[in-house]
Amino acid sequence: MMRYVYYVGETYRRAFEGSWAALPKPGGSEDDNIPVIDFPFRETLYKPTEAIQVALARRTGNELSYLYPRTSKAYQAWLDEGRPERIYRGTLREDD
């Protein structure tokens, strides 16, 4: 399954100027990190693992294709605004 996670994640990373990050799994070791994509225009992280799991469970054929246009729209809005700095609204994250 991980090859699909990396394929989908890399597609999003390249299309929307994201970067890979490792999200620690609660109670897990260093090797149990979850691969995520961090976008410069969004406070939340994209988890391709969850997207693949939902697609495999539902099997309707449109789970992955539903999210891409929504992300593209948010990315385009961010570009149209002149690439403003990301604003964190109440989450406990440190900026790089």
Protein backbone atom coordinates (compact mmCIF):
# COMPACT_ATOMS: atom_id res chain seq x y z
CA MET A 1 0.00 0.00 0.00
CA MET A 2 2.86 2.41 0.74
CA ARG A 3 3.84 2.70 -2.92
CA TYR A 4 0.37 4.16 -3.60
CA VAL A 5 0.66 6.47 -0.61
CA TYR A 6 3.94 7.83 -1.94
CA TYR A 7 2.60 8.11 -5.50
CA VAL A 8 -0.47 10.09 -4.45
CA GLY A 9 1.52 12.17 -1.96
CA GLU A 10 4.19 13.02 -4.51
CA THR A 11 1.51 14.03 -7.01
CA TYR A 12 0.10 16.53 -4.52
CA ARG A 13 3.54 17.70 -3.41
CA ARG A 14 4.65 18.53 -6.93
CA ALA A 15 1.37 20.11 -8.03
CA PHE A 16 0.89 22.36 -5.01
CA GLU A 17 4.40 23.25 -3.78
CA GLY A 18 4.15 20.98 -0.76
CA SER A 19 6.87 19.30 1.22
CA TRP A 20 7.04 15.88 2.83
CA ALA A 21 6.96 15.68 6.61
CA ALA A 22 6.82 12.87 9.14
CA LEU A 23 3.98 13.07 11.65
CA PRO A 24 4.73 11.11 14.82
CA LYS A 25 2.18 8.41 15.54
CA PRO A 26 0.84 8.64 19.12
CA GLY A 27 2.60 6.03 21.23
CA GLY A 28 4.72 4.88 18.30
CA SER A 29 8.44 4.70 17.80
CA GLU A 30 10.50 6.80 15.40
CA ASP A 31 9.87 4.24 12.67
CA ASP A 32 6.09 4.58 13.05
CA ASN A 33 5.85 8.10 11.64
CA ILE A 34 3.01 8.88 9.23
CA PRO A 35 4.05 10.47 5.89
CA VAL A 36 2.19 13.74 5.32
CA ILE A 37 2.34 16.67 2.91
CA ASP A 38 2.65 20.19 4.31
CA PHE A 39 1.29 22.87 1.96
CA PRO A 40 2.36 26.54 2.22
CA PHE A 41 -1.26 27.70 1.84
CA ARG A 42 -2.95 25.44 4.37
CA GLU A 43 -2.70 24.98 8.11
CA THR A 44 -3.69 21.32 8.02
CA LEU A 45 -1.55 18.47 6.72
CA TYR A 46 -2.58 16.20 3.85
CA LYS A 47 -2.33 12.54 4.81
CA PRO A 48 -2.12 10.40 1.67
CA THR A 49 -2.27 7.25 3.81
CA GLU A 50 -5.78 8.15 4.94
CA ALA A 51 -6.83 9.02 1.38
CA ILE A 52 -5.71 5.59 0.13
CA GLN A 53 -7.39 3.81 3.05
CA VAL A 54 -10.70 5.58 2.36
CA ALA A 55 -10.46 4.83 -1.36
CA LEU A 56 -9.80 1.14 -0.67
CA ALA A 57 -12.63 0.88 1.86
CA ARG A 58 -15.31 2.66 -0.17
CA ARG A 59 -14.31 1.53 -3.66
CA THR A 60 -16.56 4.00 -5.47
CA GLY A 61 -13.77 5.31 -7.68
CA ASN A 62 -14.07 8.99 -6.82
CA GLU A 63 -12.52 9.44 -3.38
CA LEU A 64 -9.10 10.47 -4.70
CA SER A 65 -10.48 12.54 -7.58
CA TYR A 66 -12.80 14.48 -5.25
CA LEU A 67 -9.99 16.03 -3.18
CA TYR A 68 -7.65 17.09 -5.98
CA PRO A 69 -9.85 19.83 -7.52
CA ARG A 70 -10.62 21.24 -4.06
CA THR A 71 -6.91 21.45 -3.25
CA SER A 72 -6.24 22.99 -6.66
CA LYS A 73 -8.86 25.66 -6.01
CA ALA A 74 -7.34 26.53 -2.61
CA TYR A 75 -3.86 26.63 -4.16
CA GLN A 76 -5.01 28.95 -6.96
CA ALA A 77 -6.70 31.27 -4.45
CA TRP A 78 -3.43 31.41 -2.51
CA LEU A 79 -1.52 32.27 -5.69
CA ASP A 80 -4.08 34.96 -6.62
CA GLU A 81 -3.59 36.55 -3.19
CA GLY A 82 0.14 36.84 -3.86
CA ARG A 83 1.33 33.87 -1.79
CA PRO A 84 0.62 35.31 1.66
CA GLU A 85 2.28 33.92 4.77
CA ARG A 86 0.46 31.04 6.38
CA ILE A 87 -1.54 31.97 9.47
CA TYR A 88 -1.91 29.39 12.20
CA ARG A 89 -5.29 29.59 13.89
CA GLY A 90 -5.14 27.88 17.23
CA THR A 91 -3.04 24.83 16.49
CA LEU A 92 0.07 23.93 18.40
CA ARG A 93 2.58 23.97 15.56
CA GLU A 94 5.88 25.74 15.24
CA ASP A 95 6.71 27.47 11.99
CA ASP A 96 9.91 26.33 10.25
